[in-house]
Structures are given as structure tokens and as C-alpha cells.
Amino acid sequence: MMEVRRGADRYRGGDEAAGIDTRHAFSFGNFYDPDNLRFGPVLAVNEERLAPGAGFDEHPHSHTEIVTWVVEGELTHKDTAGHTGTVRPGDLQHLSAAGGVRHIERNEGTEPLRFVQMWLAPADAAAQAGADPSYGIVRRIADATPYELPAAAAVLHIRRPGAGERIALPAAPRVYVHVVRGDLRLDGTELGPGDSVRITGTGSPEESKDLAILAGSPGELLIWELP
């Protein structure tokens, strides 16, 4: 089964006066949709735009795997476990909140910042209750290099197809696709920036062999292989 959700239909959050524009793919904060709480372990996929000087003040997380993909600009991260980092386009940031951590995310640069932040639930939340948070950045992650997230039993595939290129989707019980940029087509359906697709029933190579994305223009995709 394939469910397409359009970027234009995302719930708009953030704080315009503070230079924060957020588009939520799932129920989040004051927006509650009982039919859109999660997809497998995926709890949130937020498209964030921060003006220069804008950001999120210190706030808490626990029992959550937070993966951030920077599209434009620079994201500055600081947390109460002592981790700091500057994340640039093509970098992948991973904060494992474990038993609990507080962090700050800001645009301390002079250019607008755009990033996609994805929250996943750990497969064994109880095991993280007393664990320490961890943090890391993969610099300039290579196209098609899978990023494994064992805590959530998930794998992230980052693909940047050229025009006319065909991208096969992974064989998994669930697959989540987020379009960062490009004009794409999946099984006859046109996809554009901000669109997402939730796919189930492709748990074997036979079931997934004919399901692929065709790039009509150079694109960028975040593809989650999920349990």
C-alpha cells in the first residue's frame, strides 16, 4: 500500500515573529490528529526554516532518536551533555536522547537555515531509561551510503538522483520517503519538494522489485527503511 502526503498539507507551526517556520508531517504540539501519530518508529518529520539569529531555546528530549539533515545554511547544536556541533549542507546529525538531555538549536549564521528533522522511537525504550545521551555528525555523507540506526531498528538512505535516474526502494515492512528537492515520479504519481510517501507491504525483494522512483530533474531524497 502506498499513501502520498503532500507538502502543502503539512501542519504549519513555529513562530513567524521569531523567524521560525515549521511544517509538520505528523501530529505535533498543539496539532493533534489521532490518525496521524506515527509511522512505525517514525514520530516526527519536521521541515524547519530559521532566519539568521533565530532558533530553539533549551528544551528537553528523552527516549528519542533525533536525526537532522541540513539542506541550506548552518545549524548550531549545544546540549547539556557537553556536545556541540555545527551542521552544514550534506551533513547528517544524530542525537540519541536516551534517558534525557536538553539542547539548543540555532541559526547563528548570516544566511537562512533550512533542515529536515526526524524523530524515531527506540525499539526498547526501557533499556534507555538510565543510558547517557550520545551525539555525532557524519560529514558530507556519501550518496547511497546507508546510515544505520540500530536503536530504532531503522536505516536511512540518502539519495541524490540525476535527471532520468531510477532509484529502487528498499525491501522492508515499511518505507518512508521524504522529497527534499526535485521533480520525481513513483508508480505513476508525481512528487515534489515537501511531499512524502508511506509504503507498506514491500517486505521482500519480490514485492518491492517494481517499486522505484524516477527523477525528472536532479533530486534529493531521504528514504527510511523501517521495521
C-alpha atoms as a PDB file:
ATOM      1  CA  MET A   1       0.000   0.000   0.000  1.00  0.00           C
ATOM      2  CA  MET A   2       1.246   3.484  -0.842  1.00  0.00           C
ATOM      3  CA  GLU A   3      -0.015   6.674   0.805  1.00  0.00           C
ATOM      4  CA  VAL A   4       1.126  10.031  -0.584  1.00  0.00           C
ATOM      5  CA  ARG A   5       1.019  13.100   1.648  1.00  0.00           C
ATOM      6  CA  ARG A   6       1.595  16.489   0.060  1.00  0.00           C
ATOM      7  CA  GLY A   7       3.941  19.104   1.437  1.00  0.00           C
ATOM      8  CA  ALA A   8       1.220  21.729   1.086  1.00  0.00           C
ATOM      9  CA  ASP A   9      -0.955  19.752   3.519  1.00  0.00           C
ATOM     10  CA  ARG A  10       1.579  19.704   6.349  1.00  0.00           C
ATOM     11  CA  TYR A  11       0.551  21.379   9.587  1.00  0.00           C
ATOM     12  CA  ARG A  12       2.211  24.781   9.910  1.00  0.00           C
ATOM     13  CA  GLY A  13       3.869  25.516  13.236  1.00  0.00           C
ATOM     14  CA  GLY A  14       6.804  27.519  14.520  1.00  0.00           C
ATOM     15  CA  ASP A  15       6.791  31.211  15.413  1.00  0.00           C
ATOM     16  CA  GLU A  16       6.788  33.609  12.466  1.00  0.00           C
ATOM     17  CA  ALA A  17       7.599  36.615  14.637  1.00  0.00           C
ATOM     18  CA  ALA A  18      10.675  34.801  15.978  1.00  0.00           C
ATOM     19  CA  GLY A  19      11.869  33.786  12.498  1.00  0.00           C
ATOM     20  CA  ILE A  20      10.821  30.124  12.829  1.00  0.00           C
ATOM     21  CA  ASP A  21       8.735  28.431  10.118  1.00  0.00           C
ATOM     22  CA  THR A  22       7.926  24.746  10.717  1.00  0.00           C
ATOM     23  CA  ARG A  23       5.925  22.249   8.647  1.00  0.00           C
ATOM     24  CA  HIS A  24       4.921  19.055  10.473  1.00  0.00           C
ATOM     25  CA  ALA A  25       4.210  15.718   8.778  1.00  0.00           C
ATOM     26  CA  PHE A  26       2.769  14.113  11.947  1.00  0.00           C
ATOM     27  CA  SER A  27       0.755  15.212  14.979  1.00  0.00           C
ATOM     28  CA  PHE A  28       2.902  17.645  16.901  1.00  0.00           C
ATOM     29  CA  GLY A  29       2.412  20.075  19.782  1.00  0.00           C
ATOM     30  CA  ASN A  30      -0.975  21.754  19.585  1.00  0.00           C
ATOM     31  CA  PHE A  31      -1.822  19.917  16.365  1.00  0.00           C
ATOM     32  CA  TYR A  32      -3.394  16.546  17.162  1.00  0.00           C
ATOM     33  CA  ASP A  33      -4.636  14.078  14.586  1.00  0.00           C
ATOM     34  CA  PRO A  34      -5.351  10.650  16.099  1.00  0.00           C
ATOM     35  CA  ASP A  35      -4.942   9.058  12.666  1.00  0.00           C
ATOM     36  CA  ASN A  36      -1.503  10.587  12.104  1.00  0.00           C
ATOM     37  CA  LEU A  37       0.535   9.891  15.231  1.00  0.00           C
ATOM     38  CA  ARG A  38       3.398   7.855  13.784  1.00  0.00           C
ATOM     39  CA  PHE A  39       4.530   5.516  11.015  1.00  0.00           C
ATOM     40  CA  GLY A  40       6.317   2.550  12.537  1.00  0.00           C
ATOM     41  CA  PRO A  41       9.016   4.119  14.738  1.00  0.00           C
ATOM     42  CA  VAL A  42       8.820   7.497  12.947  1.00  0.00           C
ATOM     43  CA  LEU A  43       7.249  10.048  15.292  1.00  0.00           C
ATOM     44  CA  ALA A  44       8.005  13.323  13.519  1.00  0.00           C
ATOM     45  CA  VAL A  45       9.354  14.673  10.247  1.00  0.00           C
ATOM     46  CA  ASN A  46       9.627  18.433  10.587  1.00  0.00           C
ATOM     47  CA  GLU A  47      10.729  20.814   7.858  1.00  0.00           C
ATOM     48  CA  GLU A  48      12.358  23.745   9.646  1.00  0.00           C
ATOM     49  CA  ARG A  49      13.332  27.171   8.353  1.00  0.00           C
ATOM     50  CA  LEU A  50      15.180  29.524  10.692  1.00  0.00           C
ATOM     51  CA  ALA A  51      16.048  33.119   9.897  1.00  0.00           C
ATOM     52  CA  PRO A  52      19.541  34.339  10.855  1.00  0.00           C
ATOM     53  CA  GLY A  53      19.686  34.659  14.637  1.00  0.00           C
ATOM     54  CA  ALA A  54      16.571  32.533  15.179  1.00  0.00           C
ATOM     55  CA  GLY A  55      16.399  29.208  16.935  1.00  0.00           C
ATOM     56  CA  PHE A  56      15.010  26.935  19.594  1.00  0.00           C
ATOM     57  CA  ASP A  57      15.960  27.726  23.182  1.00  0.00           C
ATOM     58  CA  GLU A  58      16.985  24.958  25.568  1.00  0.00           C
ATOM     59  CA  HIS A  59      14.338  22.220  25.691  1.00  0.00           C
ATOM     60  CA  PRO A  60      14.245  18.564  26.792  1.00  0.00           C
ATOM     61  CA  HIS A  61      14.106  15.224  24.982  1.00  0.00           C
ATOM     62  CA  SER A  62      14.175  11.641  26.197  1.00  0.00           C
ATOM     63  CA  HIS A  63      13.809   8.173  24.667  1.00  0.00           C
ATOM     64  CA  THR A  64      14.023   9.602  21.154  1.00  0.00           C
ATOM     65  CA  GLU A  65      16.464   9.215  18.263  1.00  0.00           C
ATOM     66  CA  ILE A  66      16.720  12.613  16.542  1.00  0.00           C
ATOM     67  CA  VAL A  67      18.228  12.689  13.051  1.00  0.00           C
ATOM     68  CA  THR A  68      18.761  16.019  11.280  1.00  0.00           C
ATOM     69  CA  TRP A  69      19.565  16.669   7.625  1.00  0.00           C
ATOM     70  CA  VAL A  70      20.690  20.204   6.760  1.00  0.00           C
ATOM     71  CA  VAL A  71      19.624  21.452   3.332  1.00  0.00           C
ATOM     72  CA  GLU A  72      20.792  25.094   3.402  1.00  0.00           C
ATOM     73  CA  GLY A  73      22.693  27.232   5.906  1.00  0.00           C
ATOM     74  CA  GLU A  74      24.333  26.132   9.156  1.00  0.00           C
ATOM     75  CA  LEU A  75      22.731  24.624  12.267  1.00  0.00           C
ATOM     76  CA  THR A  76      24.436  25.108  15.637  1.00  0.00           C
ATOM     77  CA  HIS A  77      23.796  22.451  18.291  1.00  0.00           C
ATOM     78  CA  LYS A  78      24.622  22.577  22.027  1.00  0.00           C
ATOM     79  CA  ASP A  79      23.370  20.192  24.703  1.00  0.00           C
ATOM     80  CA  THR A  80      23.587  19.624  28.434  1.00  0.00           C
ATOM     81  CA  ALA A  81      25.744  16.519  27.949  1.00  0.00           C
ATOM     82  CA  GLY A  82      28.522  18.794  26.676  1.00  0.00           C
ATOM     83  CA  HIS A  83      28.137  18.092  22.956  1.00  0.00           C
ATOM     84  CA  THR A  84      28.445  20.932  20.444  1.00  0.00           C
ATOM     85  CA  GLY A  85      28.417  20.953  16.667  1.00  0.00           C
ATOM     86  CA  THR A  86      27.882  22.979  13.523  1.00  0.00           C
ATOM     87  CA  VAL A  87      25.944  21.066  10.866  1.00  0.00           C
ATOM     88  CA  ARG A  88      26.199  22.112   7.220  1.00  0.00           C
ATOM     89  CA  PRO A  89      24.518  21.013   3.968  1.00  0.00           C
ATOM     90  CA  GLY A  90      25.264  17.366   3.279  1.00  0.00           C
ATOM     91  CA  ASP A  91      25.956  16.649   6.952  1.00  0.00           C
ATOM     92  CA  LEU A  92      23.830  14.252   8.992  1.00  0.00           C
ATOM     93  CA  GLN A  93      23.416  14.885  12.727  1.00  0.00           C
ATOM     94  CA  HIS A  94      22.239  12.231  15.197  1.00  0.00           C
ATOM     95  CA  LEU A  95      21.289  12.953  18.794  1.00  0.00           C
ATOM     96  CA  SER A  96      20.264   9.941  20.865  1.00  0.00           C
ATOM     97  CA  ALA A  97      18.378  11.454  23.799  1.00  0.00           C
ATOM     98  CA  ALA A  98      18.441   8.172  25.782  1.00  0.00           C
ATOM     99  CA  GLY A  99      17.485   8.772  29.429  1.00  0.00           C
ATOM    100  CA  GLY A 100      17.243  12.521  28.907  1.00  0.00           C
ATOM    101  CA  VAL A 101      19.060  15.573  27.556  1.00  0.00           C
ATOM    102  CA  ARG A 102      18.347  19.253  26.937  1.00  0.00           C
ATOM    103  CA  HIS A 103      19.609  21.022  23.839  1.00  0.00           C
ATOM    104  CA  ILE A 104      19.661  24.299  21.921  1.00  0.00           C
ATOM    105  CA  GLU A 105      19.391  24.588  18.136  1.00  0.00           C
ATOM    106  CA  ARG A 106      20.048  27.911  16.435  1.00  0.00           C
ATOM    107  CA  ASN A 107      20.939  29.625  13.194  1.00  0.00           C
ATOM    108  CA  GLU A 108      23.983  31.613  14.240  1.00  0.00           C
ATOM    109  CA  GLY A 109      24.951  32.321  10.639  1.00  0.00           C
ATOM    110  CA  THR A 110      24.077  35.183   8.306  1.00  0.00           C
ATOM    111  CA  GLU A 111      22.061  33.140   5.798  1.00  0.00           C
ATOM    112  CA  PRO A 112      18.652  31.418   6.130  1.00  0.00           C
ATOM    113  CA  LEU A 113      18.768  27.877   7.508  1.00  0.00           C
ATOM    114  CA  ARG A 114      16.663  25.005   6.237  1.00  0.00           C
ATOM    115  CA  PHE A 115      16.754  21.489   7.640  1.00  0.00           C
ATOM    116  CA  VAL A 116      14.656  18.352   7.986  1.00  0.00           C
ATOM    117  CA  GLN A 117      14.484  16.846  11.463  1.00  0.00           C
ATOM    118  CA  MET A 118      13.208  13.317  12.036  1.00  0.00           C
ATOM    119  CA  TRP A 119      12.313  11.754  15.385  1.00  0.00           C
ATOM    120  CA  LEU A 120      12.203   7.979  15.838  1.00  0.00           C
ATOM    121  CA  ALA A 121      11.140   5.950  18.854  1.00  0.00           C
ATOM    122  CA  PRO A 122      13.672   3.414  20.161  1.00  0.00           C
ATOM    123  CA  ALA A 123      12.704  -0.223  19.825  1.00  0.00           C
ATOM    124  CA  ASP A 124      13.410  -0.774  23.536  1.00  0.00           C
ATOM    125  CA  ALA A 125      12.623   2.427  25.437  1.00  0.00           C
ATOM    126  CA  ALA A 126      13.045   0.726  28.811  1.00  0.00           C
ATOM    127  CA  ALA A 127      16.670  -0.077  28.007  1.00  0.00           C
ATOM    128  CA  GLN A 128      17.379   3.635  27.507  1.00  0.00           C
ATOM    129  CA  ALA A 129      15.948   4.715  30.864  1.00  0.00           C
ATOM    130  CA  GLY A 130      19.338   5.033  32.538  1.00  0.00           C
ATOM    131  CA  ALA A 131      21.502   5.462  29.467  1.00  0.00           C
ATOM    132  CA  ASP A 132      23.586   8.534  28.660  1.00  0.00           C
ATOM    133  CA  PRO A 133      22.776  10.591  25.580  1.00  0.00           C
ATOM    134  CA  SER A 134      25.099  10.414  22.584  1.00  0.00           C
ATOM    135  CA  TYR A 135      25.782  12.779  19.691  1.00  0.00           C
ATOM    136  CA  GLY A 136      27.556  12.680  16.359  1.00  0.00           C
ATOM    137  CA  ILE A 137      27.807  14.255  12.910  1.00  0.00           C
ATOM    138  CA  VAL A 138      28.532  12.391   9.682  1.00  0.00           C
ATOM    139  CA  ARG A 139      30.270  14.968   7.492  1.00  0.00           C
ATOM    140  CA  ARG A 140      29.302  15.057   3.831  1.00  0.00           C
ATOM    141  CA  ILE A 141      27.677  11.661   3.910  1.00  0.00           C
ATOM    142  CA  ALA A 142      28.038   9.933   0.578  1.00  0.00           C
ATOM    143  CA  ASP A 143      25.077   9.356  -1.670  1.00  0.00           C
ATOM    144  CA  ALA A 144      23.545   5.895  -1.219  1.00  0.00           C
ATOM    145  CA  THR A 145      25.580   5.244   1.949  1.00  0.00           C
ATOM    146  CA  PRO A 146      23.093   3.743   4.424  1.00  0.00           C
ATOM    147  CA  TYR A 147      23.036   5.252   7.907  1.00  0.00           C
ATOM    148  CA  GLU A 148      22.051   2.572  10.379  1.00  0.00           C
ATOM    149  CA  LEU A 149      20.018   3.483  13.451  1.00  0.00           C
ATOM    150  CA  PRO A 150      20.069   0.239  15.486  1.00  0.00           C
ATOM    151  CA  ALA A 151      18.216   1.736  18.467  1.00  0.00           C
ATOM    152  CA  ALA A 152      15.122   2.163  16.262  1.00  0.00           C
ATOM    153  CA  ALA A 153      15.853  -0.848  14.016  1.00  0.00           C
ATOM    154  CA  ALA A 154      15.850   1.598  11.094  1.00  0.00           C
ATOM    155  CA  VAL A 155      18.140   2.555   8.207  1.00  0.00           C
ATOM    156  CA  LEU A 156      18.265   5.922   6.450  1.00  0.00           C
ATOM    157  CA  HIS A 157      19.172   6.079   2.750  1.00  0.00           C
ATOM    158  CA  ILE A 158      20.131   9.460   1.299  1.00  0.00           C
ATOM    159  CA  ARG A 159      19.830   9.630  -2.464  1.00  0.00           C
ATOM    160  CA  ARG A 160      20.590  12.464  -4.868  1.00  0.00           C
ATOM    161  CA  PRO A 161      19.498  11.166  -8.281  1.00  0.00           C
ATOM    162  CA  GLY A 162      20.355  12.891 -11.512  1.00  0.00           C
ATOM    163  CA  ALA A 163      17.699  13.579 -14.149  1.00  0.00           C
ATOM    164  CA  GLY A 164      16.457  10.317 -15.633  1.00  0.00           C
ATOM    165  CA  GLU A 165      17.958   8.176 -12.859  1.00  0.00           C
ATOM    166  CA  ARG A 166      15.916   5.355 -11.351  1.00  0.00           C
ATOM    167  CA  ILE A 167      16.105   4.767  -7.575  1.00  0.00           C
ATOM    168  CA  ALA A 168      14.969   1.383  -6.281  1.00  0.00           C
ATOM    169  CA  LEU A 169      13.270   1.387  -2.887  1.00  0.00           C
ATOM    170  CA  PRO A 170      14.461  -0.956  -0.133  1.00  0.00           C
ATOM    171  CA  ALA A 171      12.608  -4.156   0.682  1.00  0.00           C
ATOM    172  CA  ALA A 172      11.242  -3.580   4.193  1.00  0.00           C
ATOM    173  CA  PRO A 173       7.954  -3.928   6.100  1.00  0.00           C
ATOM    174  CA  ARG A 174       7.657  -0.126   5.956  1.00  0.00           C
ATOM    175  CA  VAL A 175       9.349   2.529   3.823  1.00  0.00           C
ATOM    176  CA  TYR A 176       9.061   6.287   4.364  1.00  0.00           C
ATOM    177  CA  VAL A 177      10.148   8.659   1.595  1.00  0.00           C
ATOM    178  CA  HIS A 178      10.631  12.407   2.025  1.00  0.00           C
ATOM    179  CA  VAL A 179      11.340  14.578  -1.019  1.00  0.00           C
ATOM    180  CA  VAL A 180      13.808  17.346  -0.239  1.00  0.00           C
ATOM    181  CA  ARG A 181      14.037  18.644  -3.790  1.00  0.00           C
ATOM    182  CA  GLY A 182      13.401  17.628  -7.383  1.00  0.00           C
ATOM    183  CA  ASP A 183      10.530  16.545  -9.646  1.00  0.00           C
ATOM    184  CA  LEU A 184      10.053  12.809  -9.222  1.00  0.00           C
ATOM    185  CA  ARG A 185       7.649  10.037 -10.128  1.00  0.00           C
ATOM    186  CA  LEU A 186       6.765   6.956  -8.084  1.00  0.00           C
ATOM    187  CA  ASP A 187       4.465   4.320  -9.582  1.00  0.00           C
ATOM    188  CA  GLY A 188       2.846   6.944 -11.833  1.00  0.00           C
ATOM    189  CA  THR A 189       2.479   9.544  -9.059  1.00  0.00           C
ATOM    190  CA  GLU A 190       4.235  12.893  -9.375  1.00  0.00           C
ATOM    191  CA  LEU A 191       6.184  14.037  -6.303  1.00  0.00           C
ATOM    192  CA  GLY A 192       7.728  17.391  -5.474  1.00  0.00           C
ATOM    193  CA  PRO A 193       9.585  19.112  -2.634  1.00  0.00           C
ATOM    194  CA  GLY A 194       7.975  18.526   0.761  1.00  0.00           C
ATOM    195  CA  ASP A 195       5.915  15.554  -0.418  1.00  0.00           C
ATOM    196  CA  SER A 196       6.217  12.252   1.420  1.00  0.00           C
ATOM    197  CA  VAL A 197       5.175   8.660   0.797  1.00  0.00           C
ATOM    198  CA  ARG A 198       4.361   5.960   3.355  1.00  0.00           C
ATOM    199  CA  ILE A 199       4.692   2.477   1.918  1.00  0.00           C
ATOM    200  CA  THR A 200       3.787  -0.858   3.474  1.00  0.00           C
ATOM    201  CA  GLY A 201       3.825  -4.413   2.135  1.00  0.00           C
ATOM    202  CA  THR A 202       7.246  -4.381   0.454  1.00  0.00           C
ATOM    203  CA  GLY A 203       8.984  -6.661   2.916  1.00  0.00           C
ATOM    204  CA  SER A 204      10.563  -8.905   0.285  1.00  0.00           C
ATOM    205  CA  PRO A 205      12.598  -8.262  -2.875  1.00  0.00           C
ATOM    206  CA  GLU A 206       9.785  -9.780  -4.935  1.00  0.00           C
ATOM    207  CA  GLU A 207       7.229  -7.342  -3.516  1.00  0.00           C
ATOM    208  CA  SER A 208       9.472  -4.303  -3.982  1.00  0.00           C
ATOM    209  CA  LYS A 209      11.187  -5.115  -7.297  1.00  0.00           C
ATOM    210  CA  ASP A 210       8.887  -2.956  -9.439  1.00  0.00           C
ATOM    211  CA  LEU A 211       8.660  -0.037  -6.990  1.00  0.00           C
ATOM    212  CA  ALA A 212      11.153   2.674  -7.883  1.00  0.00           C
ATOM    213  CA  ILE A 213      11.455   6.436  -8.094  1.00  0.00           C
ATOM    214  CA  LEU A 214      12.269   8.074 -11.421  1.00  0.00           C
ATOM    215  CA  ALA A 215      13.883  11.515 -11.265  1.00  0.00           C
ATOM    216  CA  GLY A 216      12.588  14.020 -13.803  1.00  0.00           C
ATOM    217  CA  SER A 217      15.169  16.540 -12.582  1.00  0.00           C
ATOM    218  CA  PRO A 218      18.133  16.378 -10.176  1.00  0.00           C
ATOM    219  CA  GLY A 219      16.662  15.489  -6.786  1.00  0.00           C
ATOM    220  CA  GLU A 220      17.335  14.749  -3.154  1.00  0.00           C
ATOM    221  CA  LEU A 221      15.518  12.092  -1.134  1.00  0.00           C
ATOM    222  CA  LEU A 222      15.503  10.831   2.433  1.00  0.00           C
ATOM    223  CA  ILE A 223      14.342   7.193   2.463  1.00  0.00           C
ATOM    224  CA  TRP A 224      13.741   5.337   5.726  1.00  0.00           C
ATOM    225  CA  GLU A 225      13.838   1.557   5.769  1.00  0.00           C
ATOM    226  CA  LEU A 226      11.655   0.636   8.762  1.00  0.00           C
ATOM    227  CA  PRO A 227      10.555  -2.429  10.747  1.00  0.00           C
END
